[in-house]
Amino acid sequence: MQAYNFEEIMPVVNDMFPGTSKYREPLKKAYDILVKMKPVDSKKAIRYKVMHDEAGNQNYMGAEDSCFTSTWEVSLGKEVSREKGVDLSDVELAANCLVNLCFLGKYPKEFEEARKQLMR
């Protein structure tokens, strides 16, 4: 996360998830919290792979939701990697991780109000 500033990540978030520019403030709050946190070492990883959408019969690149269901500090301590066939850039991985942590991760109390804005 710290490899990119928010101004580099937000346009990528909006490209990956059209319409998310309206959530700029809560995403910025999450980013600001995340870059101040101290990562907790974890033996688990966030692995991006080519996945199959059963409902739409399409393939997409992503990581399992379960990769993000820990606390933000633990998620920050996980290795992020790409399996063969995943052509997401580093900034795209950072953007995707940011969004997934906001919706799936165990966020700190200071993010509560911003998360409510995301859930509207």
Protein backbone atom coordinates (compact mmCIF):
# COMPACT_ATOMS: atom_id res chain seq x y z
CA MET A 1 0.00 0.00 0.00
CA GLN A 2 2.79 2.40 0.89
CA ALA A 3 4.38 2.01 -2.55
CA TYR A 4 1.65 4.24 -4.01
CA ASN A 5 -0.03 7.39 -2.85
CA PHE A 6 -3.80 7.60 -2.83
CA GLU A 7 -3.86 9.84 -5.91
CA GLU A 8 -2.23 6.99 -7.87
CA ILE A 9 -4.55 4.32 -6.50
CA MET A 10 -7.95 6.04 -6.77
CA PRO A 11 -8.09 6.31 -10.59
CA VAL A 12 -7.22 2.61 -10.80
CA VAL A 13 -9.98 1.76 -8.31
CA ASN A 14 -12.44 3.70 -10.46
CA ASP A 15 -11.25 1.94 -13.63
CA MET A 16 -11.59 -1.49 -12.00
CA PHE A 17 -14.91 -0.69 -10.33
CA PRO A 18 -16.68 1.99 -12.43
CA GLY A 19 -18.63 4.49 -10.37
CA THR A 20 -16.52 4.20 -7.24
CA SER A 21 -15.25 7.76 -7.57
CA LYS A 22 -18.27 8.79 -5.48
CA TYR A 23 -16.70 6.83 -2.60
CA ARG A 24 -13.43 8.73 -2.75
CA GLU A 25 -13.61 10.07 0.82
CA PRO A 26 -14.24 6.75 2.61
CA LEU A 27 -11.61 5.03 0.46
CA LYS A 28 -9.14 7.82 1.27
CA LYS A 29 -9.90 7.35 4.97
CA ALA A 30 -9.18 3.62 4.64
CA TYR A 31 -5.94 4.30 2.77
CA ASP A 32 -4.78 6.82 5.38
CA ILE A 33 -5.45 4.35 8.19
CA LEU A 34 -3.75 1.47 6.36
CA VAL A 35 -0.51 3.31 5.62
CA LYS A 36 -0.14 4.25 9.29
CA MET A 37 -0.65 0.69 10.53
CA LYS A 38 2.13 -1.64 11.52
CA PRO A 39 1.75 -4.93 9.59
CA VAL A 40 1.55 -8.15 11.60
CA ASP A 41 3.60 -10.98 10.12
CA SER A 42 1.45 -13.67 8.59
CA LYS A 43 2.29 -17.00 7.00
CA LYS A 44 -0.83 -16.72 4.85
CA ALA A 45 -0.85 -15.01 1.47
CA ILE A 46 -3.13 -13.11 -0.84
CA ARG A 47 -2.87 -14.95 -4.16
CA TYR A 48 -4.39 -13.48 -7.27
CA LYS A 49 -5.45 -16.04 -9.83
CA VAL A 50 -7.73 -16.51 -12.80
CA MET A 51 -11.13 -17.37 -11.35
CA HIS A 52 -14.35 -18.57 -12.97
CA ASP A 53 -17.68 -16.85 -12.41
CA GLU A 54 -20.21 -19.69 -12.41
CA ALA A 55 -23.22 -17.40 -12.77
CA GLY A 56 -21.91 -15.38 -15.70
CA ASN A 57 -19.76 -18.11 -17.22
CA GLN A 58 -16.81 -15.70 -17.39
CA ASN A 59 -13.23 -15.67 -16.16
CA TYR A 60 -11.76 -12.83 -14.12
CA MET A 61 -8.66 -12.13 -12.08
CA GLY A 62 -8.99 -11.90 -8.33
CA ALA A 63 -8.22 -13.36 -4.94
CA GLU A 64 -10.46 -15.46 -2.74
CA ASP A 65 -12.59 -13.38 -0.36
CA SER A 66 -11.17 -15.40 2.53
CA CYS A 67 -7.77 -13.79 1.90
CA PHE A 68 -9.15 -10.52 3.28
CA THR A 69 -11.24 -11.66 6.25
CA SER A 70 -8.57 -11.02 8.88
CA THR A 71 -7.73 -7.76 10.62
CA TRP A 72 -6.24 -5.05 8.46
CA GLU A 73 -2.89 -5.38 10.27
CA VAL A 74 -2.70 -9.10 9.49
CA SER A 75 -3.74 -8.55 5.87
CA LEU A 76 -0.98 -5.97 5.50
CA GLY A 77 1.51 -8.59 6.68
CA LYS A 78 0.51 -11.12 4.02
CA GLU A 79 2.55 -11.72 0.91
CA VAL A 80 0.68 -10.68 -2.25
CA SER A 81 1.40 -12.75 -5.36
CA ARG A 82 0.10 -13.51 -8.82
CA GLU A 83 -0.40 -16.97 -10.29
CA LYS A 84 0.38 -17.70 -13.92
CA GLY A 85 -1.99 -15.89 -16.27
CA VAL A 86 -2.67 -12.92 -13.98
CA ASP A 87 -1.56 -9.73 -15.67
CA LEU A 88 -2.60 -7.21 -13.01
CA SER A 89 0.00 -4.50 -12.34
CA ASP A 90 1.28 -3.73 -8.85
CA VAL A 91 -0.92 -0.63 -8.58
CA GLU A 92 -3.95 -2.69 -9.69
CA LEU A 93 -3.17 -5.20 -6.93
CA ALA A 94 -2.93 -2.37 -4.39
CA ALA A 95 -6.24 -0.89 -5.59
CA ASN A 96 -7.99 -4.24 -5.44
CA CYS A 97 -6.60 -4.96 -1.97
CA LEU A 98 -7.79 -1.56 -0.72
CA VAL A 99 -11.36 -2.18 -1.90
CA ASN A 100 -11.44 -5.76 -0.61
CA LEU A 101 -10.13 -4.74 2.80
CA CYS A 102 -12.85 -2.09 3.09
CA PHE A 103 -15.63 -4.58 2.39
CA LEU A 104 -14.27 -7.88 3.69
CA GLY A 105 -11.60 -7.13 6.28
CA LYS A 106 -11.95 -6.70 10.01
CA TYR A 107 -11.52 -2.95 10.06
CA PRO A 108 -10.51 -0.75 13.01
CA LYS A 109 -13.11 1.23 14.92
CA GLU A 110 -11.86 4.50 13.42
CA PHE A 111 -13.09 3.33 9.99
CA GLU A 112 -16.67 2.62 11.17
CA GLU A 113 -18.28 5.86 9.93
CA ALA A 114 -16.47 5.78 6.60
CA ARG A 115 -17.51 2.16 6.07
CA LYS A 116 -21.15 3.11 6.63
CA GLN A 117 -20.76 5.57 3.75
CA LEU A 118 -19.41 2.77 1.54
CA MET A 119 -22.35 0.53 2.37
CA ARG A 120 -25.01 3.03 1.21
